[in-house]
C-alpha cells in the first residue's frame, strides 16, 4: 500500500438494473430518452463487480446483521473444542475452527458468538496456511512462535483467503467477527505499512463481513476510532485500562456500541480499580490469562 487513503468503491449494479427497468417502461409508454446518452452517463462512473466478491450475493443474512448493545457481558476463550460453555455471559468470542456443536450449543442457550480470526498475521497451524503467497509473509511476530506479519497492502492476494475465512464464519452461523491483529502498521512487520494502509484494510474487512450478515468489531487500534466507529459494530480492547487508553474508545459507547475490554493477569494492574473505571465508562470488562483459556474474572 501507499500512503494515500484507499478509495472505498461502492457497487451499484442493483440500482443500474432498476434504472434500466424504469427506462424500458418509460420507453414503452412513449417517453423516448436517447439511449446512447443514458448508457454513457451511467457507465462512466461505474466499477465492475469482481466475480469473487459476495457483496450482492443474496442470502438470509445479507439484509442486516447483529447490532450489539452497550452493557452486554462477554467471555473470551480461544482454543479448540475445550470451550467451557457454562460461563455466564451474553456473548462468547471463540476461534473460527471450533466444532459446530459448540456454536449450536451457545446459540441454544441464547448467546451470541463472535468468530475469532487473525487478519494481520500468518499462523503455521491453520489449515489454510499454505494458501498465503510467500510475498505477503513478513517478519516473525515477536512473542508468538509460528506467526508472521502480513503485508496488508496486498489485499488482492489476501482477499481470497480472508473471504474464505469469513465464508466459513457465516456458514457456521457465527454472529460477528473479531479481526485480530488489525492494528499492525506500528509493528516491525518487515513492510513499510502506513496508517492509511491499515485504515483501507479495516474498511475492506468491514465491507466483507457486513456483506455476509456478520457484525465486526474494531480490535484495539485506538488512533483509528474516529474513522471506524460509524462503520464497525463494537470494539475489543486489550490492557487499555493498564495503559490508560480506555477513554479513547468512548466514541463507541456514545454511539450505542459496546466496548468489550480485557485486562490480563501478567500485568501488575489493579483490576478492582479498573472495574471502577469500567463502570464509569460503561465498558464490559473482564480479566483473563494471556493464553485466553476458560478462566475469567468479571467486575463485581
Protein backbone atom coordinates (compact mmCIF):
# COMPACT_ATOMS: atom_id res chain seq x y z
CA UNK A 1 0.00 0.00 0.00
CA UNK A 2 0.98 3.60 -0.42
CA UNK A 3 0.41 6.49 1.94
CA UNK A 4 -2.81 7.73 0.37
CA UNK A 5 -6.28 6.81 1.59
CA UNK A 6 -7.71 3.77 -0.15
CA UNK A 7 -10.82 4.56 -2.17
CA UNK A 8 -13.92 2.81 -0.90
CA UNK A 9 -15.69 1.52 -4.01
CA UNK A 10 -19.49 1.36 -3.89
CA UNK A 11 -21.04 -1.13 -6.30
CA UNK A 12 -24.36 -0.07 -7.73
CA UNK A 13 -25.35 -2.94 -10.00
CA UNK A 14 -28.76 -3.28 -8.38
CA UNK A 15 -29.52 0.43 -8.90
CA UNK A 16 -28.40 0.13 -12.55
CA UNK A 17 -30.90 -2.69 -13.08
CA UNK A 18 -33.70 -0.62 -11.54
CA UNK A 19 -32.77 2.33 -13.75
CA UNK A 20 -32.85 0.17 -16.87
CA UNK A 21 -36.28 -1.25 -15.97
CA UNK A 22 -37.67 2.26 -15.40
CA UNK A 23 -36.15 3.39 -18.69
CA UNK A 24 -37.80 0.49 -20.54
CA UNK A 25 -41.20 1.26 -19.03
CA UNK A 26 -40.91 4.92 -19.96
CA UNK A 27 -39.87 3.95 -23.46
CA UNK A 28 -42.90 1.66 -23.86
CA UNK A 29 -45.38 4.38 -22.83
CA UNK A 30 -43.96 6.91 -25.21
CA UNK A 31 -41.16 8.67 -23.36
CA UNK A 32 -38.12 8.23 -25.52
CA UNK A 33 -34.85 9.36 -23.90
CA UNK A 34 -31.78 8.99 -26.06
CA UNK A 35 -30.30 5.58 -25.33
CA UNK A 36 -26.65 6.34 -26.08
CA UNK A 37 -26.63 9.32 -23.72
CA UNK A 38 -28.27 7.31 -20.94
CA UNK A 39 -25.83 4.43 -21.22
CA UNK A 40 -22.84 6.74 -21.39
CA UNK A 41 -23.78 8.74 -18.31
CA UNK A 42 -24.10 5.54 -16.29
CA UNK A 43 -21.10 3.58 -17.43
CA UNK A 44 -18.63 6.40 -16.97
CA UNK A 45 -18.94 6.27 -13.17
CA UNK A 46 -19.32 2.55 -12.56
CA UNK A 47 -16.78 -0.02 -11.42
CA UNK A 48 -17.39 -3.66 -12.40
CA UNK A 49 -18.14 -6.05 -9.56
CA UNK A 50 -15.28 -8.54 -9.07
CA UNK A 51 -16.62 -12.01 -9.74
CA UNK A 52 -15.23 -13.26 -6.42
CA UNK A 53 -16.96 -10.58 -4.36
CA UNK A 54 -20.01 -11.69 -2.35
CA UNK A 55 -21.32 -8.16 -1.83
CA UNK A 56 -24.52 -8.68 -3.84
CA UNK A 57 -24.95 -12.40 -3.33
CA UNK A 58 -28.42 -12.81 -1.79
CA UNK A 59 -28.60 -14.78 1.44
CA UNK A 60 -30.76 -14.86 4.55
CA UNK A 61 -28.34 -12.66 6.49
CA UNK A 62 -27.31 -10.08 3.93
CA UNK A 63 -30.04 -7.54 4.72
CA UNK A 64 -28.89 -6.96 8.29
CA UNK A 65 -26.55 -8.12 10.99
CA UNK A 66 -26.34 -8.21 14.76
CA UNK A 67 -26.03 -4.80 16.43
CA UNK A 68 -24.83 -5.49 19.99
CA UNK A 69 -25.89 -3.17 22.80
CA UNK A 70 -23.80 -1.45 25.41
CA UNK A 71 -23.58 -3.38 28.67
CA UNK A 72 -23.54 -6.96 27.35
CA UNK A 73 -21.33 -9.38 29.28
CA UNK A 74 -18.76 -11.48 27.46
CA UNK A 75 -16.40 -14.43 27.65
CA UNK A 76 -13.28 -14.77 25.51
CA UNK A 77 -11.80 -18.24 25.08
CA UNK A 78 -9.58 -19.10 22.14
CA UNK A 79 -8.96 -22.83 21.86
CA UNK A 80 -10.02 -25.93 20.01
CA UNK A 81 -13.06 -27.77 21.31
CA UNK A 82 -12.37 -27.33 25.03
CA UNK A 83 -14.68 -24.32 25.31
CA UNK A 84 -16.40 -24.03 28.69
CA UNK A 85 -19.96 -23.21 27.70
CA UNK A 86 -21.13 -22.90 31.31
CA UNK A 87 -19.73 -19.39 31.84
CA UNK A 88 -22.44 -16.81 32.49
CA UNK A 89 -22.04 -14.33 29.63
CA UNK A 90 -24.23 -12.84 26.92
CA UNK A 91 -21.52 -13.10 24.27
CA UNK A 92 -18.80 -15.68 23.59
CA UNK A 93 -15.73 -14.94 21.49
CA UNK A 94 -14.23 -18.21 20.19
CA UNK A 95 -11.99 -19.42 17.38
CA UNK A 96 -13.28 -19.88 13.83
CA UNK A 97 -12.34 -23.55 13.86
CA UNK A 98 -14.24 -24.68 16.97
CA UNK A 99 -16.67 -27.52 16.43
CA UNK A 100 -20.11 -26.67 15.09
CA UNK A 101 -21.72 -28.29 18.13
CA UNK A 102 -20.18 -25.63 20.40
CA UNK A 103 -21.63 -22.77 18.36
CA UNK A 104 -25.01 -24.51 18.23
CA UNK A 105 -24.98 -25.13 21.97
CA UNK A 106 -24.19 -21.49 22.72
CA UNK A 107 -26.96 -20.32 20.41
CA UNK A 108 -29.37 -22.75 22.05
CA UNK A 109 -28.53 -21.04 25.35
CA UNK A 110 -29.36 -17.65 23.85
CA UNK A 111 -25.74 -16.50 23.47
CA UNK A 112 -24.25 -14.52 20.62
CA UNK A 113 -21.00 -15.92 19.23
CA UNK A 114 -18.06 -13.97 17.78
CA UNK A 115 -15.74 -15.62 15.24
CA UNK A 116 -12.05 -15.04 16.01
CA UNK A 117 -9.70 -14.84 13.01
CA UNK A 118 -6.29 -13.24 12.57
CA UNK A 119 -6.33 -10.78 9.69
CA UNK A 120 -2.83 -9.37 10.18
CA UNK A 121 -0.71 -12.45 10.83
CA UNK A 122 0.03 -15.82 9.25
CA UNK A 123 -0.20 -18.77 11.66
CA UNK A 124 1.60 -22.01 10.85
CA UNK A 125 -1.05 -24.22 12.48
CA UNK A 126 -4.01 -23.05 10.40
CA UNK A 127 -5.48 -25.37 7.73
CA UNK A 128 -5.18 -22.62 5.09
CA UNK A 129 -1.55 -21.75 5.89
CA UNK A 130 -0.27 -22.96 2.51
CA UNK A 131 -2.58 -20.61 0.62
CA UNK A 132 -0.63 -17.49 1.63
CA UNK A 133 1.78 -16.38 -1.14
CA UNK A 134 5.38 -16.01 0.13
CA UNK A 135 5.47 -12.32 -0.80
CA UNK A 136 2.85 -11.42 1.83
CA UNK A 137 4.77 -13.07 4.71
CA UNK A 138 6.87 -10.65 6.73
CA UNK A 139 8.87 -10.72 9.93
CA UNK A 140 8.23 -13.14 12.76
CA UNK A 141 5.59 -11.93 15.19
CA UNK A 142 7.71 -11.36 18.28
CA UNK A 143 6.46 -13.31 21.27
CA UNK A 144 4.14 -15.58 19.28
CA UNK A 145 6.02 -18.57 17.79
CA UNK A 146 4.73 -19.78 14.46
CA UNK A 147 3.30 -16.40 13.41
CA UNK A 148 4.47 -13.90 10.83
CA UNK A 149 3.14 -10.46 9.99
CA UNK A 150 1.23 -9.99 6.74
CA UNK A 151 1.62 -7.36 4.05
CA UNK A 152 -1.87 -5.92 4.31
CA UNK A 153 -1.19 -3.66 1.33
CA UNK A 154 -1.72 -6.75 -0.83
CA UNK A 155 -5.47 -7.04 -0.41
CA UNK A 156 -5.53 -8.54 -3.89
CA UNK A 157 -3.58 -11.55 -2.60
CA UNK A 158 -5.13 -11.72 0.87
CA UNK A 159 -8.73 -11.30 -0.28
CA UNK A 160 -9.37 -14.92 -1.39
CA UNK A 161 -8.04 -16.24 1.92
CA UNK A 162 -9.86 -13.78 4.17
CA UNK A 163 -13.07 -14.13 2.18
CA UNK A 164 -12.91 -17.90 2.59
CA UNK A 165 -12.50 -17.47 6.35
CA UNK A 166 -15.43 -15.08 6.50
CA UNK A 167 -17.47 -17.50 4.38
CA UNK A 168 -16.77 -20.17 7.00
CA UNK A 169 -17.76 -17.80 9.82
CA UNK A 170 -21.05 -17.27 8.02
CA UNK A 171 -21.56 -20.96 7.20
CA UNK A 172 -21.05 -21.91 10.86
CA UNK A 173 -23.68 -19.33 11.86
CA UNK A 174 -21.44 -17.01 13.85
CA UNK A 175 -22.95 -13.63 14.67
CA UNK A 176 -19.85 -11.47 14.36
CA UNK A 177 -16.13 -11.35 13.60
CA UNK A 178 -13.12 -10.41 15.72
CA UNK A 179 -10.37 -9.38 13.26
CA UNK A 180 -7.27 -9.86 15.39
CA UNK A 181 -4.00 -8.05 14.58
CA UNK A 182 -5.74 -5.37 12.55
CA UNK A 183 -3.52 -2.93 14.46
CA UNK A 184 -0.36 -3.56 12.50
CA UNK A 185 1.42 -0.62 10.89
CA UNK A 186 3.27 0.41 14.08
CA UNK A 187 4.83 -3.06 14.42
CA UNK A 188 8.08 -4.38 12.98
CA UNK A 189 6.37 -6.20 10.15
CA UNK A 190 9.12 -6.05 7.53
CA UNK A 191 6.89 -3.92 5.30
CA UNK A 192 6.60 -0.11 5.05
CA UNK A 193 2.98 -0.10 6.20
CA UNK A 194 1.21 3.16 6.95
CA UNK A 195 -1.81 4.43 8.88
CA UNK A 196 -3.72 4.63 5.61
CA UNK A 197 -2.80 1.08 4.66
CA UNK A 198 -4.29 -0.12 7.94
CA UNK A 199 -7.41 2.01 7.51
CA UNK A 200 -8.01 0.79 3.97
CA UNK A 201 -7.72 -2.83 5.07
CA UNK A 202 -10.02 -2.23 8.06
CA UNK A 203 -12.72 -0.70 5.86
CA UNK A 204 -12.41 -3.55 3.35
CA UNK A 205 -12.81 -6.11 6.15
CA UNK A 206 -15.93 -4.36 7.44
CA UNK A 207 -17.50 -4.37 3.99
CA UNK A 208 -16.76 -8.07 3.55
CA UNK A 209 -18.14 -9.01 6.99
CA UNK A 210 -21.32 -6.98 6.56
CA UNK A 211 -21.89 -8.43 3.09
CA UNK A 212 -22.18 -11.81 4.83
CA UNK A 213 -24.53 -10.62 7.54
CA UNK A 214 -21.78 -10.57 10.16
CA UNK A 215 -21.14 -7.80 12.67
CA UNK A 216 -17.48 -6.85 13.08
CA UNK A 217 -15.52 -5.40 15.98
CA UNK A 218 -12.60 -2.98 15.97
CA UNK A 219 -9.67 -4.72 17.68
CA UNK A 220 -7.50 -2.18 19.54
CA UNK A 221 -6.16 0.44 17.03
CA UNK A 222 -7.28 3.34 19.21
CA UNK A 223 -5.95 6.02 16.86
CA UNK A 224 -8.47 4.97 14.20
CA UNK A 225 -11.58 5.03 16.36
CA UNK A 226 -13.00 8.19 14.82
CA UNK A 227 -12.51 6.75 11.33
CA UNK A 228 -14.13 3.39 12.16
CA UNK A 229 -16.79 3.97 14.81
CA UNK A 230 -19.50 4.65 12.23
CA UNK A 231 -18.59 1.50 10.30
CA UNK A 232 -17.71 -1.08 12.96
CA UNK A 233 -20.31 -2.52 15.33
CA UNK A 234 -18.36 -2.84 18.59
CA UNK A 235 -14.80 -2.71 19.89
CA UNK A 236 -12.49 -5.18 21.64
CA UNK A 237 -9.55 -3.90 23.66
CA UNK A 238 -6.59 -5.44 25.47
CA UNK A 239 -4.96 -3.83 28.52
CA UNK A 240 -6.46 -0.43 27.72
CA UNK A 241 -7.04 0.35 31.38
CA UNK A 242 -3.49 -0.65 32.27
CA UNK A 243 -2.06 1.59 29.53
CA UNK A 244 -4.56 4.39 30.27
CA UNK A 245 -6.06 4.30 26.78
CA UNK A 246 -9.61 3.25 27.69
CA UNK A 247 -11.19 6.66 27.16
CA UNK A 248 -10.07 6.61 23.52
CA UNK A 249 -12.83 4.05 22.91
CA UNK A 250 -15.63 6.20 24.34
CA UNK A 251 -16.94 7.15 20.86
CA UNK A 252 -18.25 3.58 20.62
CA UNK A 253 -20.20 3.92 23.86
CA UNK A 254 -21.56 7.30 22.75
CA UNK A 255 -22.68 5.65 19.52
CA UNK A 256 -24.54 2.96 21.48
CA UNK A 257 -21.99 0.28 20.63
CA UNK A 258 -20.29 -1.86 23.31
CA UNK A 259 -16.62 -1.97 24.21
CA UNK A 260 -15.56 -5.47 25.24
CA UNK A 261 -12.46 -4.83 27.32
CA UNK A 262 -9.97 -7.43 28.53
CA UNK A 263 -7.15 -6.94 31.03
CA UNK A 264 -4.50 -9.62 31.56
CA UNK A 265 -3.13 -11.19 34.71
CA UNK A 266 0.51 -10.97 33.55
CA UNK A 267 0.50 -7.18 34.06
CA UNK A 268 0.55 -5.67 37.55
CA UNK A 269 -2.57 -3.55 37.30
CA UNK A 270 -5.24 -3.21 39.99
CA UNK A 271 -8.26 -4.95 38.48
CA UNK A 272 -10.60 -3.56 41.16
CA UNK A 273 -9.59 -0.03 40.19
CA UNK A 274 -10.00 -0.92 36.51
CA UNK A 275 -13.52 -2.14 37.26
CA UNK A 276 -14.42 1.16 38.88
CA UNK A 277 -13.23 2.99 35.78
CA UNK A 278 -15.05 0.49 33.60
CA UNK A 279 -18.35 1.22 35.36
CA UNK A 280 -17.88 4.94 34.81
CA UNK A 281 -17.22 4.37 31.11
CA UNK A 282 -19.91 1.68 30.74
CA UNK A 283 -17.45 -0.85 29.29
CA UNK A 284 -17.84 -4.64 29.51
CA UNK A 285 -14.58 -5.59 31.25
CA UNK A 286 -13.07 -8.95 32.18
CA UNK A 287 -9.73 -10.25 33.48
CA UNK A 288 -8.08 -13.08 31.54
CA UNK A 289 -4.94 -15.16 31.34
CA UNK A 290 -2.84 -14.14 28.34
CA UNK A 291 -3.38 -17.56 26.71
CA UNK A 292 -7.16 -16.96 26.77
CA UNK A 293 -8.17 -20.21 28.40
CA UNK A 294 -11.56 -20.64 30.12
CA UNK A 295 -10.58 -18.82 33.33
CA UNK A 296 -12.30 -15.48 33.75
CA UNK A 297 -12.83 -12.83 36.39
CA UNK A 298 -15.59 -10.31 35.92
CA UNK A 299 -16.13 -6.95 37.53
CA UNK A 300 -18.39 -7.14 40.60
